[in-house]
Amino acid sequence: MPLTESSLIRSIAQFAALEGQVAPETPLFSSGALDSVAMLNLILFIERETGAEIRAEDVTLENFDTAASILDFARKLAA
């Protein structure tokens, strides 16, 4: 199953314990909503959903600070 916005947001909310507070443009890492453990879980989830490996140098604020940027990055990664 491809990664969707709703599955990504649902997973972010679960990993960061943010019940219903995540929108596509909600700052995640820069706001402190995602700690390092939540970020690792998120990366593993994205790898599992896309079938692609995320390299350490790809884990940047540009790629991972909002659900929208994560989804854009994941789509490029899967292409």
C-alpha atoms as a PDB file:
ATOM      1  CA  MET A   1       0.000   0.000   0.000  1.00  0.00           C
ATOM      2  CA  PRO A   2       1.447   3.410  -0.917  1.00  0.00           C
ATOM      3  CA  LEU A   3       2.086   6.022   1.740  1.00  0.00           C
ATOM      4  CA  THR A   4      -0.874   8.392   2.023  1.00  0.00           C
ATOM      5  CA  GLU A   5      -1.273  11.694   3.829  1.00  0.00           C
ATOM      6  CA  SER A   6      -3.817  10.228   6.228  1.00  0.00           C
ATOM      7  CA  SER A   7      -1.695   7.181   7.126  1.00  0.00           C
ATOM      8  CA  LEU A   8       1.357   9.406   7.583  1.00  0.00           C
ATOM      9  CA  ILE A   9      -0.484  11.882   9.831  1.00  0.00           C
ATOM     10  CA  ARG A  10      -2.022   9.047  11.828  1.00  0.00           C
ATOM     11  CA  SER A  11       1.424   7.514  12.347  1.00  0.00           C
ATOM     12  CA  ILE A  12       3.003  10.844  13.288  1.00  0.00           C
ATOM     13  CA  ALA A  13       0.265  11.438  15.850  1.00  0.00           C
ATOM     14  CA  GLN A  14       0.847   7.960  17.284  1.00  0.00           C
ATOM     15  CA  PHE A  15       4.653   8.192  17.402  1.00  0.00           C
ATOM     16  CA  ALA A  16       4.611  11.699  18.905  1.00  0.00           C
ATOM     17  CA  ALA A  17       1.536  11.162  21.106  1.00  0.00           C
ATOM     18  CA  LEU A  18      -0.244  14.077  19.385  1.00  0.00           C
ATOM     19  CA  GLU A  19      -3.885  13.071  19.407  1.00  0.00           C
ATOM     20  CA  GLY A  20      -5.596  14.851  16.495  1.00  0.00           C
ATOM     21  CA  GLN A  21      -3.169  17.785  16.528  1.00  0.00           C
ATOM     22  CA  VAL A  22      -1.263  17.097  13.315  1.00  0.00           C
ATOM     23  CA  ALA A  23      -2.021  18.978  10.102  1.00  0.00           C
ATOM     24  CA  PRO A  24       0.017  18.738   6.885  1.00  0.00           C
ATOM     25  CA  GLU A  25       1.938  21.934   7.740  1.00  0.00           C
ATOM     26  CA  THR A  26       2.347  21.380  11.507  1.00  0.00           C
ATOM     27  CA  PRO A  27       6.029  21.838  12.433  1.00  0.00           C
ATOM     28  CA  LEU A  28       7.135  18.529  13.891  1.00  0.00           C
ATOM     29  CA  PHE A  29      10.836  18.276  14.539  1.00  0.00           C
ATOM     30  CA  SER A  30      11.643  22.007  14.804  1.00  0.00           C
ATOM     31  CA  SER A  31       8.833  22.458  17.346  1.00  0.00           C
ATOM     32  CA  GLY A  32       9.977  19.514  19.452  1.00  0.00           C
ATOM     33  CA  ALA A  33       6.811  17.514  18.741  1.00  0.00           C
ATOM     34  CA  LEU A  34       8.964  14.654  17.442  1.00  0.00           C
ATOM     35  CA  ASP A  35      11.818  13.502  19.632  1.00  0.00           C
ATOM     36  CA  SER A  36      14.613  11.263  18.374  1.00  0.00           C
ATOM     37  CA  VAL A  37      12.769   8.026  19.207  1.00  0.00           C
ATOM     38  CA  ALA A  38       9.598   9.193  17.453  1.00  0.00           C
ATOM     39  CA  MET A  39      11.686  10.290  14.468  1.00  0.00           C
ATOM     40  CA  LEU A  40      13.355   6.881  14.258  1.00  0.00           C
ATOM     41  CA  ASN A  41       9.947   5.170  14.370  1.00  0.00           C
ATOM     42  CA  LEU A  42       8.699   7.520  11.663  1.00  0.00           C
ATOM     43  CA  ILE A  43      11.693   6.796   9.431  1.00  0.00           C
ATOM     44  CA  LEU A  44      11.202   3.047   9.848  1.00  0.00           C
ATOM     45  CA  PHE A  45       7.488   3.440   9.035  1.00  0.00           C
ATOM     46  CA  ILE A  46       8.275   5.403   5.854  1.00  0.00           C
ATOM     47  CA  GLU A  47      10.879   2.853   4.772  1.00  0.00           C
ATOM     48  CA  ARG A  48       8.409   0.030   5.325  1.00  0.00           C
ATOM     49  CA  GLU A  49       5.620   1.819   3.438  1.00  0.00           C
ATOM     50  CA  THR A  50       7.769   2.929   0.477  1.00  0.00           C
ATOM     51  CA  GLY A  51      10.157  -0.019   0.301  1.00  0.00           C
ATOM     52  CA  ALA A  52      13.057   2.463   0.040  1.00  0.00           C
ATOM     53  CA  GLU A  53      15.945   3.115   2.400  1.00  0.00           C
ATOM     54  CA  ILE A  54      16.308   6.576   3.934  1.00  0.00           C
ATOM     55  CA  ARG A  55      19.923   7.690   4.218  1.00  0.00           C
ATOM     56  CA  ALA A  56      21.131   9.677   7.238  1.00  0.00           C
ATOM     57  CA  GLU A  57      21.940  12.679   5.043  1.00  0.00           C
ATOM     58  CA  ASP A  58      18.303  12.771   3.875  1.00  0.00           C
ATOM     59  CA  VAL A  59      17.011  13.343   7.409  1.00  0.00           C
ATOM     60  CA  THR A  60      16.877  17.137   7.308  1.00  0.00           C
ATOM     61  CA  LEU A  61      14.379  19.778   8.385  1.00  0.00           C
ATOM     62  CA  GLU A  62      13.645  20.384   4.715  1.00  0.00           C
ATOM     63  CA  ASN A  63      12.532  16.761   4.276  1.00  0.00           C
ATOM     64  CA  PHE A  64      11.110  15.955   7.718  1.00  0.00           C
ATOM     65  CA  ASP A  65       9.707  19.023   9.482  1.00  0.00           C
ATOM     66  CA  THR A  66       6.086  18.731   8.347  1.00  0.00           C
ATOM     67  CA  ALA A  67       3.832  15.923   7.173  1.00  0.00           C
ATOM     68  CA  ALA A  68       3.612  17.651   3.786  1.00  0.00           C
ATOM     69  CA  SER A  69       7.406  17.770   3.376  1.00  0.00           C
ATOM     70  CA  ILE A  70       7.731  14.155   4.542  1.00  0.00           C
ATOM     71  CA  LEU A  71       5.132  13.033   2.018  1.00  0.00           C
ATOM     72  CA  ASP A  72       6.870  14.964  -0.799  1.00  0.00           C
ATOM     73  CA  PHE A  73      10.201  13.411   0.168  1.00  0.00           C
ATOM     74  CA  ALA A  74       8.717   9.908   0.426  1.00  0.00           C
ATOM     75  CA  ARG A  75       7.127  10.208  -3.013  1.00  0.00           C
ATOM     76  CA  LYS A  76      10.468  11.222  -4.535  1.00  0.00           C
ATOM     77  CA  LEU A  77      12.169   8.394  -2.682  1.00  0.00           C
ATOM     78  CA  ALA A  78       9.700   5.810  -3.980  1.00  0.00           C
ATOM     79  CA  ALA A  79       9.884   7.038  -7.575  1.00  0.00           C
END
